[in-house]
């Protein structure tokens, strides 16, 4: 066996130590940047602290961005402004249909969904700058209402802008949202509408022909009365 000199042994030992350091350093660096993974394995799983099944997970940088999802017939867009979060966050949207609450006074639930914000799998707590949420659906009417689903029931969202087919509002925490359409109103021309051809008092029955007949009878009676008087004079 050839005997190695000391410089050669020192050089090889240094190379081994350097390789070990390269292996250890990246492992620690990448561990801190792991992304959000819902319990159950991605879309269709669940998210801690948020009801329903996950339908979309989007990472948004501190510079801002949007997250999109579809629940039933509703398309949901969450717009995070720049600076709302100082680190990348995962915006998680769930289908929370099982948490729907019957709207007060009746009506129909259009969609119920959850919005969650997470940092590497940990749910963001407390409040944050306003994040805009837009829901579009052909089932949304101008009279629809946006609610937050709470433990005490439904709470209407102040400042929500609702038009036919769209509802826009802001959130400052992780809510469960429900959009509900009101009970359908009676169609135009139903009870209480004007009746074509009626009098100014709107009795509901035009009497033009009846008035002509009555006038004719009065005139005929007058003629008969005159004829009777003439007959008496000649007699």
C-alpha atoms as a PDB file:
ATOM      1  CA  UNK A   1       0.000   0.000   0.000  1.00  0.00           C
ATOM      2  CA  UNK A   2       1.355   3.408  -0.946  1.00  0.00           C
ATOM      3  CA  UNK A   3       1.843   5.677   1.998  1.00  0.00           C
ATOM      4  CA  UNK A   4       0.097   9.096   1.637  1.00  0.00           C
ATOM      5  CA  UNK A   5       1.937  12.193   2.683  1.00  0.00           C
ATOM      6  CA  UNK A   6       0.382  14.588   5.166  1.00  0.00           C
ATOM      7  CA  UNK A   7      -0.553  17.358   2.658  1.00  0.00           C
ATOM      8  CA  UNK A   8      -2.615  14.884   0.632  1.00  0.00           C
ATOM      9  CA  UNK A   9      -4.535  13.669   3.684  1.00  0.00           C
ATOM     10  CA  UNK A  10      -5.227  17.249   4.765  1.00  0.00           C
ATOM     11  CA  UNK A  11      -6.546  18.196   1.313  1.00  0.00           C
ATOM     12  CA  UNK A  12      -8.929  15.238   1.130  1.00  0.00           C
ATOM     13  CA  UNK A  13     -10.208  15.815   4.659  1.00  0.00           C
ATOM     14  CA  UNK A  14     -11.016  19.430   3.862  1.00  0.00           C
ATOM     15  CA  UNK A  15     -12.974  18.378   0.752  1.00  0.00           C
ATOM     16  CA  UNK A  16     -15.091  15.937   2.776  1.00  0.00           C
ATOM     17  CA  UNK A  17     -15.906  18.595   5.374  1.00  0.00           C
ATOM     18  CA  UNK A  18     -16.870  21.101   2.660  1.00  0.00           C
ATOM     19  CA  UNK A  19     -19.216  18.612   0.984  1.00  0.00           C
ATOM     20  CA  UNK A  20     -20.886  17.925   4.319  1.00  0.00           C
ATOM     21  CA  UNK A  21     -21.430  21.618   4.875  1.00  0.00           C
ATOM     22  CA  UNK A  22     -23.062  21.990   1.425  1.00  0.00           C
ATOM     23  CA  UNK A  23     -25.505  19.223   2.276  1.00  0.00           C
ATOM     24  CA  UNK A  24     -26.477  20.657   5.662  1.00  0.00           C
ATOM     25  CA  UNK A  25     -26.858  24.340   4.786  1.00  0.00           C
ATOM     26  CA  UNK A  26     -29.453  24.047   1.934  1.00  0.00           C
ATOM     27  CA  UNK A  27     -31.567  21.700   4.035  1.00  0.00           C
ATOM     28  CA  UNK A  28     -32.016  24.303   6.762  1.00  0.00           C
ATOM     29  CA  UNK A  29     -32.693  27.115   4.257  1.00  0.00           C
ATOM     30  CA  UNK A  30     -35.397  25.311   2.268  1.00  0.00           C
ATOM     31  CA  UNK A  31     -37.213  24.033   5.363  1.00  0.00           C
ATOM     32  CA  UNK A  32     -38.210  27.583   6.327  1.00  0.00           C
ATOM     33  CA  UNK A  33     -39.813  28.226   2.929  1.00  0.00           C
ATOM     34  CA  UNK A  34     -42.114  25.228   2.685  1.00  0.00           C
ATOM     35  CA  UNK A  35     -45.543  26.029   1.254  1.00  0.00           C
ATOM     36  CA  UNK A  36     -49.055  25.415   2.598  1.00  0.00           C
ATOM     37  CA  UNK A  37     -50.512  21.928   2.226  1.00  0.00           C
ATOM     38  CA  UNK A  38     -54.103  21.372   3.445  1.00  0.00           C
ATOM     39  CA  UNK A  39     -54.752  18.402   5.698  1.00  0.00           C
ATOM     40  CA  UNK A  40     -55.799  15.496   3.498  1.00  0.00           C
ATOM     41  CA  UNK A  41     -53.510  16.343   0.593  1.00  0.00           C
ATOM     42  CA  UNK A  42     -54.222  19.466  -1.461  1.00  0.00           C
ATOM     43  CA  UNK A  43     -57.496  20.414  -3.123  1.00  0.00           C
ATOM     44  CA  UNK A  44     -60.372  18.477  -1.598  1.00  0.00           C
ATOM     45  CA  UNK A  45     -58.724  18.301   1.802  1.00  0.00           C
ATOM     46  CA  UNK A  46     -59.408  20.532   4.787  1.00  0.00           C
ATOM     47  CA  UNK A  47     -57.721  23.610   6.202  1.00  0.00           C
ATOM     48  CA  UNK A  48     -57.137  24.188   9.916  1.00  0.00           C
ATOM     49  CA  UNK A  49     -59.723  26.562  11.382  1.00  0.00           C
ATOM     50  CA  UNK A  50     -61.755  26.834   8.171  1.00  0.00           C
ATOM     51  CA  UNK A  51     -64.958  24.827   7.489  1.00  0.00           C
ATOM     52  CA  UNK A  52     -65.541  22.926   4.281  1.00  0.00           C
ATOM     53  CA  UNK A  53     -63.281  21.313   1.695  1.00  0.00           C
ATOM     54  CA  UNK A  54     -60.442  23.189  -0.009  1.00  0.00           C
ATOM     55  CA  UNK A  55     -61.168  24.210  -3.607  1.00  0.00           C
ATOM     56  CA  UNK A  56     -58.169  26.504  -4.195  1.00  0.00           C
ATOM     57  CA  UNK A  57     -54.844  27.450  -2.574  1.00  0.00           C
ATOM     58  CA  UNK A  58     -52.836  30.390  -3.934  1.00  0.00           C
ATOM     59  CA  UNK A  59     -49.590  31.865  -2.611  1.00  0.00           C
ATOM     60  CA  UNK A  60     -49.610  35.675  -2.632  1.00  0.00           C
ATOM     61  CA  UNK A  61     -46.432  37.700  -2.189  1.00  0.00           C
ATOM     62  CA  UNK A  62     -46.092  40.865  -0.029  1.00  0.00           C
ATOM     63  CA  UNK A  63     -46.382  42.848  -3.284  1.00  0.00           C
ATOM     64  CA  UNK A  64     -50.034  41.708  -3.517  1.00  0.00           C
ATOM     65  CA  UNK A  65     -51.980  39.459  -5.872  1.00  0.00           C
ATOM     66  CA  UNK A  66     -55.224  37.590  -6.474  1.00  0.00           C
ATOM     67  CA  UNK A  67     -56.648  34.163  -5.682  1.00  0.00           C
ATOM     68  CA  UNK A  68     -59.502  32.607  -7.656  1.00  0.00           C
ATOM     69  CA  UNK A  69     -61.893  29.729  -7.028  1.00  0.00           C
ATOM     70  CA  UNK A  70     -65.243  28.382  -8.174  1.00  0.00           C
ATOM     71  CA  UNK A  71     -67.886  27.076  -5.781  1.00  0.00           C
ATOM     72  CA  UNK A  72     -71.025  25.838  -7.504  1.00  0.00           C
ATOM     73  CA  UNK A  73     -72.161  28.514  -9.968  1.00  0.00           C
ATOM     74  CA  UNK A  74     -70.185  31.244  -8.184  1.00  0.00           C
ATOM     75  CA  UNK A  75     -66.755  32.517  -9.209  1.00  0.00           C
ATOM     76  CA  UNK A  76     -64.780  33.986  -6.292  1.00  0.00           C
ATOM     77  CA  UNK A  77     -61.852  36.422  -6.596  1.00  0.00           C
ATOM     78  CA  UNK A  78     -59.828  37.509  -3.557  1.00  0.00           C
ATOM     79  CA  UNK A  79     -57.611  40.557  -4.184  1.00  0.00           C
ATOM     80  CA  UNK A  80     -54.828  41.133  -1.647  1.00  0.00           C
ATOM     81  CA  UNK A  81     -53.339  44.670  -1.813  1.00  0.00           C
ATOM     82  CA  UNK A  82     -49.608  45.309  -1.638  1.00  0.00           C
ATOM     83  CA  UNK A  83     -48.353  45.497   1.934  1.00  0.00           C
ATOM     84  CA  UNK A  84     -51.325  43.725   3.503  1.00  0.00           C
ATOM     85  CA  UNK A  85     -48.908  40.990   4.599  1.00  0.00           C
ATOM     86  CA  UNK A  86     -45.159  41.330   5.126  1.00  0.00           C
ATOM     87  CA  UNK A  87     -44.439  37.720   4.161  1.00  0.00           C
ATOM     88  CA  UNK A  88     -45.857  35.381   1.490  1.00  0.00           C
ATOM     89  CA  UNK A  89     -49.247  33.987   2.519  1.00  0.00           C
ATOM     90  CA  UNK A  90     -51.417  31.206   1.189  1.00  0.00           C
ATOM     91  CA  UNK A  91     -54.986  32.258   0.423  1.00  0.00           C
ATOM     92  CA  UNK A  92     -57.212  29.222   0.934  1.00  0.00           C
ATOM     93  CA  UNK A  93     -60.826  29.116  -0.315  1.00  0.00           C
ATOM     94  CA  UNK A  94     -63.190  26.355   0.805  1.00  0.00           C
ATOM     95  CA  UNK A  95     -66.617  25.123  -0.229  1.00  0.00           C
ATOM     96  CA  UNK A  96     -68.536  25.631   3.017  1.00  0.00           C
ATOM     97  CA  UNK A  97     -71.983  24.714   1.676  1.00  0.00           C
ATOM     98  CA  UNK A  98     -72.561  22.468   4.702  1.00  0.00           C
ATOM     99  CA  UNK A  99     -72.345  25.586   6.911  1.00  0.00           C
ATOM    100  CA  UNK A 100     -75.103  27.460   5.058  1.00  0.00           C
ATOM    101  CA  UNK A 101     -77.765  29.148   7.206  1.00  0.00           C
ATOM    102  CA  UNK A 102     -81.322  29.857   6.021  1.00  0.00           C
ATOM    103  CA  UNK A 103     -81.545  33.611   5.271  1.00  0.00           C
ATOM    104  CA  UNK A 104     -83.900  35.667   7.471  1.00  0.00           C
ATOM    105  CA  UNK A 105     -87.287  36.087   5.828  1.00  0.00           C
ATOM    106  CA  UNK A 106     -86.660  33.186   3.485  1.00  0.00           C
ATOM    107  CA  UNK A 107     -84.826  33.471   0.201  1.00  0.00           C
ATOM    108  CA  UNK A 108     -82.246  31.249  -1.459  1.00  0.00           C
ATOM    109  CA  UNK A 109     -78.592  30.687  -0.612  1.00  0.00           C
ATOM    110  CA  UNK A 110     -76.482  31.365  -3.704  1.00  0.00           C
ATOM    111  CA  UNK A 111     -73.108  30.269  -2.261  1.00  0.00           C
ATOM    112  CA  UNK A 112     -71.384  29.683   1.083  1.00  0.00           C
ATOM    113  CA  UNK A 113     -67.579  29.631   1.224  1.00  0.00           C
ATOM    114  CA  UNK A 114     -64.649  30.167   3.567  1.00  0.00           C
ATOM    115  CA  UNK A 115     -61.563  32.366   3.116  1.00  0.00           C
ATOM    116  CA  UNK A 116     -58.401  31.658   5.101  1.00  0.00           C
ATOM    117  CA  UNK A 117     -54.920  33.230   5.183  1.00  0.00           C
ATOM    118  CA  UNK A 118     -51.953  31.064   6.219  1.00  0.00           C
ATOM    119  CA  UNK A 119     -48.212  31.476   6.692  1.00  0.00           C
ATOM    120  CA  UNK A 120     -46.487  28.163   5.968  1.00  0.00           C
ATOM    121  CA  UNK A 121     -49.494  26.224   7.157  1.00  0.00           C
ATOM    122  CA  UNK A 122     -50.165  28.352  10.251  1.00  0.00           C
ATOM    123  CA  UNK A 123     -53.433  30.299  10.169  1.00  0.00           C
ATOM    124  CA  UNK A 124     -53.058  34.071  10.383  1.00  0.00           C
ATOM    125  CA  UNK A 125     -54.806  35.371  13.500  1.00  0.00           C
ATOM    126  CA  UNK A 126     -56.110  38.827  14.298  1.00  0.00           C
ATOM    127  CA  UNK A 127     -57.008  41.468  11.721  1.00  0.00           C
ATOM    128  CA  UNK A 128     -55.168  42.787   8.680  1.00  0.00           C
ATOM    129  CA  UNK A 129     -55.646  45.533   6.045  1.00  0.00           C
ATOM    130  CA  UNK A 130     -58.830  45.237   3.983  1.00  0.00           C
ATOM    131  CA  UNK A 131     -58.825  42.500   1.338  1.00  0.00           C
ATOM    132  CA  UNK A 132     -61.377  42.791  -1.478  1.00  0.00           C
ATOM    133  CA  UNK A 133     -63.617  39.840  -2.369  1.00  0.00           C
ATOM    134  CA  UNK A 134     -65.774  39.690  -5.496  1.00  0.00           C
ATOM    135  CA  UNK A 135     -68.392  36.985  -6.118  1.00  0.00           C
ATOM    136  CA  UNK A 136     -70.057  36.620  -9.499  1.00  0.00           C
ATOM    137  CA  UNK A 137     -73.008  34.337 -10.241  1.00  0.00           C
ATOM    138  CA  UNK A 138     -76.100  34.499 -12.456  1.00  0.00           C
ATOM    139  CA  UNK A 139     -78.128  33.708  -9.305  1.00  0.00           C
ATOM    140  CA  UNK A 140     -77.136  36.980  -7.606  1.00  0.00           C
ATOM    141  CA  UNK A 141     -79.826  39.655  -7.936  1.00  0.00           C
ATOM    142  CA  UNK A 142     -79.716  43.375  -7.172  1.00  0.00           C
ATOM    143  CA  UNK A 143     -81.612  42.615  -3.960  1.00  0.00           C
ATOM    144  CA  UNK A 144     -79.226  39.905  -2.757  1.00  0.00           C
ATOM    145  CA  UNK A 145     -77.430  40.193   0.591  1.00  0.00           C
ATOM    146  CA  UNK A 146     -73.886  39.272   1.653  1.00  0.00           C
ATOM    147  CA  UNK A 147     -73.579  37.732   5.130  1.00  0.00           C
ATOM    148  CA  UNK A 148     -70.840  36.525   7.458  1.00  0.00           C
ATOM    149  CA  UNK A 149     -71.735  33.158   8.983  1.00  0.00           C
ATOM    150  CA  UNK A 150     -71.129  33.375  12.734  1.00  0.00           C
ATOM    151  CA  UNK A 151     -71.865  31.164  15.707  1.00  0.00           C
ATOM    152  CA  UNK A 152     -74.981  33.248  16.341  1.00  0.00           C
ATOM    153  CA  UNK A 153     -76.254  33.016  12.752  1.00  0.00           C
ATOM    154  CA  UNK A 154     -75.969  35.422   9.827  1.00  0.00           C
ATOM    155  CA  UNK A 155     -74.531  38.921  10.067  1.00  0.00           C
ATOM    156  CA  UNK A 156     -75.021  41.212   7.059  1.00  0.00           C
ATOM    157  CA  UNK A 157     -71.814  42.680   5.638  1.00  0.00           C
ATOM    158  CA  UNK A 158     -71.735  46.464   5.887  1.00  0.00           C
ATOM    159  CA  UNK A 159     -70.731  48.318   2.735  1.00  0.00           C
ATOM    160  CA  UNK A 160     -71.196  45.394   0.327  1.00  0.00           C
ATOM    161  CA  UNK A 161     -71.864  46.521  -3.256  1.00  0.00           C
ATOM    162  CA  UNK A 162     -74.423  44.205  -4.884  1.00  0.00           C
ATOM    163  CA  UNK A 163     -75.692  44.342  -8.454  1.00  0.00           C
ATOM    164  CA  UNK A 164     -77.339  41.773 -10.702  1.00  0.00           C
ATOM    165  CA  UNK A 165     -74.746  39.021 -11.114  1.00  0.00           C
ATOM    166  CA  UNK A 166     -72.077  40.406  -8.758  1.00  0.00           C
ATOM    167  CA  UNK A 167     -71.292  41.193  -5.100  1.00  0.00           C
ATOM    168  CA  UNK A 168     -68.146  42.982  -3.863  1.00  0.00           C
ATOM    169  CA  UNK A 169     -67.072  43.522  -0.250  1.00  0.00           C
ATOM    170  CA  UNK A 170     -63.967  43.615   1.967  1.00  0.00           C
ATOM    171  CA  UNK A 171     -62.715  41.418   4.816  1.00  0.00           C
ATOM    172  CA  UNK A 172     -60.149  42.078   7.546  1.00  0.00           C
ATOM    173  CA  UNK A 173     -60.110  38.580   9.042  1.00  0.00           C
ATOM    174  CA  UNK A 174     -60.844  34.972   8.081  1.00  0.00           C
ATOM    175  CA  UNK A 175     -64.615  34.774   7.439  1.00  0.00           C
ATOM    176  CA  UNK A 176     -67.186  32.291   6.261  1.00  0.00           C
ATOM    177  CA  UNK A 177     -69.302  34.101   3.687  1.00  0.00           C
ATOM    178  CA  UNK A 178     -72.830  33.480   2.456  1.00  0.00           C
ATOM    179  CA  UNK A 179     -74.540  35.266  -0.431  1.00  0.00           C
ATOM    180  CA  UNK A 180     -78.334  34.936  -0.458  1.00  0.00           C
ATOM    181  CA  UNK A 181     -80.979  36.016  -2.962  1.00  0.00           C
ATOM    182  CA  UNK A 182     -84.337  37.322  -1.661  1.00  0.00           C
ATOM    183  CA  UNK A 183     -87.745  35.729  -2.129  1.00  0.00           C
ATOM    184  CA  UNK A 184     -88.956  36.348  -5.692  1.00  0.00           C
ATOM    185  CA  UNK A 185     -91.329  39.313  -5.951  1.00  0.00           C
ATOM    186  CA  UNK A 186     -94.606  39.363  -7.902  1.00  0.00           C
ATOM    187  CA  UNK A 187     -94.238  40.092 -11.606  1.00  0.00           C
ATOM    188  CA  UNK A 188     -95.250  43.505 -12.963  1.00  0.00           C
ATOM    189  CA  UNK A 189     -98.931  43.753 -13.917  1.00  0.00           C
ATOM    190  CA  UNK A 190    -100.134  41.574 -11.024  1.00  0.00           C
ATOM    191  CA  UNK A 191    -102.477  42.491  -8.184  1.00  0.00           C
ATOM    192  CA  UNK A 192    -102.931  46.230  -7.814  1.00  0.00           C
ATOM    193  CA  UNK A 193    -101.889  47.186 -11.340  1.00  0.00           C
ATOM    194  CA  UNK A 194    -103.975  49.505 -13.521  1.00  0.00           C
ATOM    195  CA  UNK A 195    -106.781  47.929 -15.564  1.00  0.00           C
ATOM    196  CA  UNK A 196    -106.938  48.881 -19.224  1.00  0.00           C
ATOM    197  CA  UNK A 197    -110.194  50.653 -20.172  1.00  0.00           C
ATOM    198  CA  UNK A 198    -111.338  51.258 -16.583  1.00  0.00           C
ATOM    199  CA  UNK A 199    -112.758  54.598 -15.387  1.00  0.00           C
ATOM    200  CA  UNK A 200    -110.708  57.156 -13.478  1.00  0.00           C
ATOM    201  CA  UNK A 201    -111.968  55.608 -10.235  1.00  0.00           C
ATOM    202  CA  UNK A 202    -110.694  52.218 -11.483  1.00  0.00           C
ATOM    203  CA  UNK A 203    -113.778  50.257 -10.482  1.00  0.00           C
ATOM    204  CA  UNK A 204    -112.476  47.507 -12.703  1.00  0.00           C
ATOM    205  CA  UNK A 205    -115.481  47.375 -15.120  1.00  0.00           C
ATOM    206  CA  UNK A 206    -115.823  49.798 -18.061  1.00  0.00           C
ATOM    207  CA  UNK A 207    -119.525  50.910 -18.453  1.00  0.00           C
ATOM    208  CA  UNK A 208    -119.601  52.889 -21.723  1.00  0.00           C
ATOM    209  CA  UNK A 209    -122.025  50.482 -23.424  1.00  0.00           C
ATOM    210  CA  UNK A 210    -124.203  50.263 -20.349  1.00  0.00           C
ATOM    211  CA  UNK A 211    -124.500  54.059 -20.216  1.00  0.00           C
ATOM    212  CA  UNK A 212    -125.604  54.171 -23.883  1.00  0.00           C
ATOM    213  CA  UNK A 213    -128.292  51.567 -23.227  1.00  0.00           C
ATOM    214  CA  UNK A 214    -129.546  53.446 -20.180  1.00  0.00           C
ATOM    215  CA  UNK A 215    -129.708  56.682 -22.154  1.00  0.00           C
ATOM    216  CA  UNK A 216    -131.697  54.988 -24.897  1.00  0.00           C
ATOM    217  CA  UNK A 217    -134.226  53.652 -22.407  1.00  0.00           C
ATOM    218  CA  UNK A 218    -134.676  57.113 -20.888  1.00  0.00           C
ATOM    219  CA  UNK A 219    -135.240  58.629 -24.318  1.00  0.00           C
ATOM    220  CA  UNK A 220    -137.736  55.925 -25.262  1.00  0.00           C
ATOM    221  CA  UNK A 221    -139.630  56.483 -22.034  1.00  0.00           C
ATOM    222  CA  UNK A 222    -139.850  60.214 -22.735  1.00  0.00           C
ATOM    223  CA  UNK A 223    -141.258  59.596 -26.222  1.00  0.00           C
ATOM    224  CA  UNK A 224    -143.857  57.208 -24.866  1.00  0.00           C
ATOM    225  CA  UNK A 225    -144.896  59.785 -22.260  1.00  0.00           C
ATOM    226  CA  UNK A 226    -145.325  62.504 -24.925  1.00  0.00           C
ATOM    227  CA  UNK A 227    -147.338  60.167 -27.133  1.00  0.00           C
ATOM    228  CA  UNK A 228    -149.618  59.272 -24.234  1.00  0.00           C
ATOM    229  CA  UNK A 229    -150.331  62.918 -23.462  1.00  0.00           C
ATOM    230  CA  UNK A 230    -151.095  63.723 -27.087  1.00  0.00           C
ATOM    231  CA  UNK A 231    -153.487  60.786 -27.232  1.00  0.00           C
ATOM    232  CA  UNK A 232    -155.350  62.054 -24.144  1.00  0.00           C
ATOM    233  CA  UNK A 233    -155.746  65.533 -25.656  1.00  0.00           C
ATOM    234  CA  UNK A 234    -157.183  64.198 -28.908  1.00  0.00           C
ATOM    235  CA  UNK A 235    -159.597  62.027 -27.015  1.00  0.00           C
END
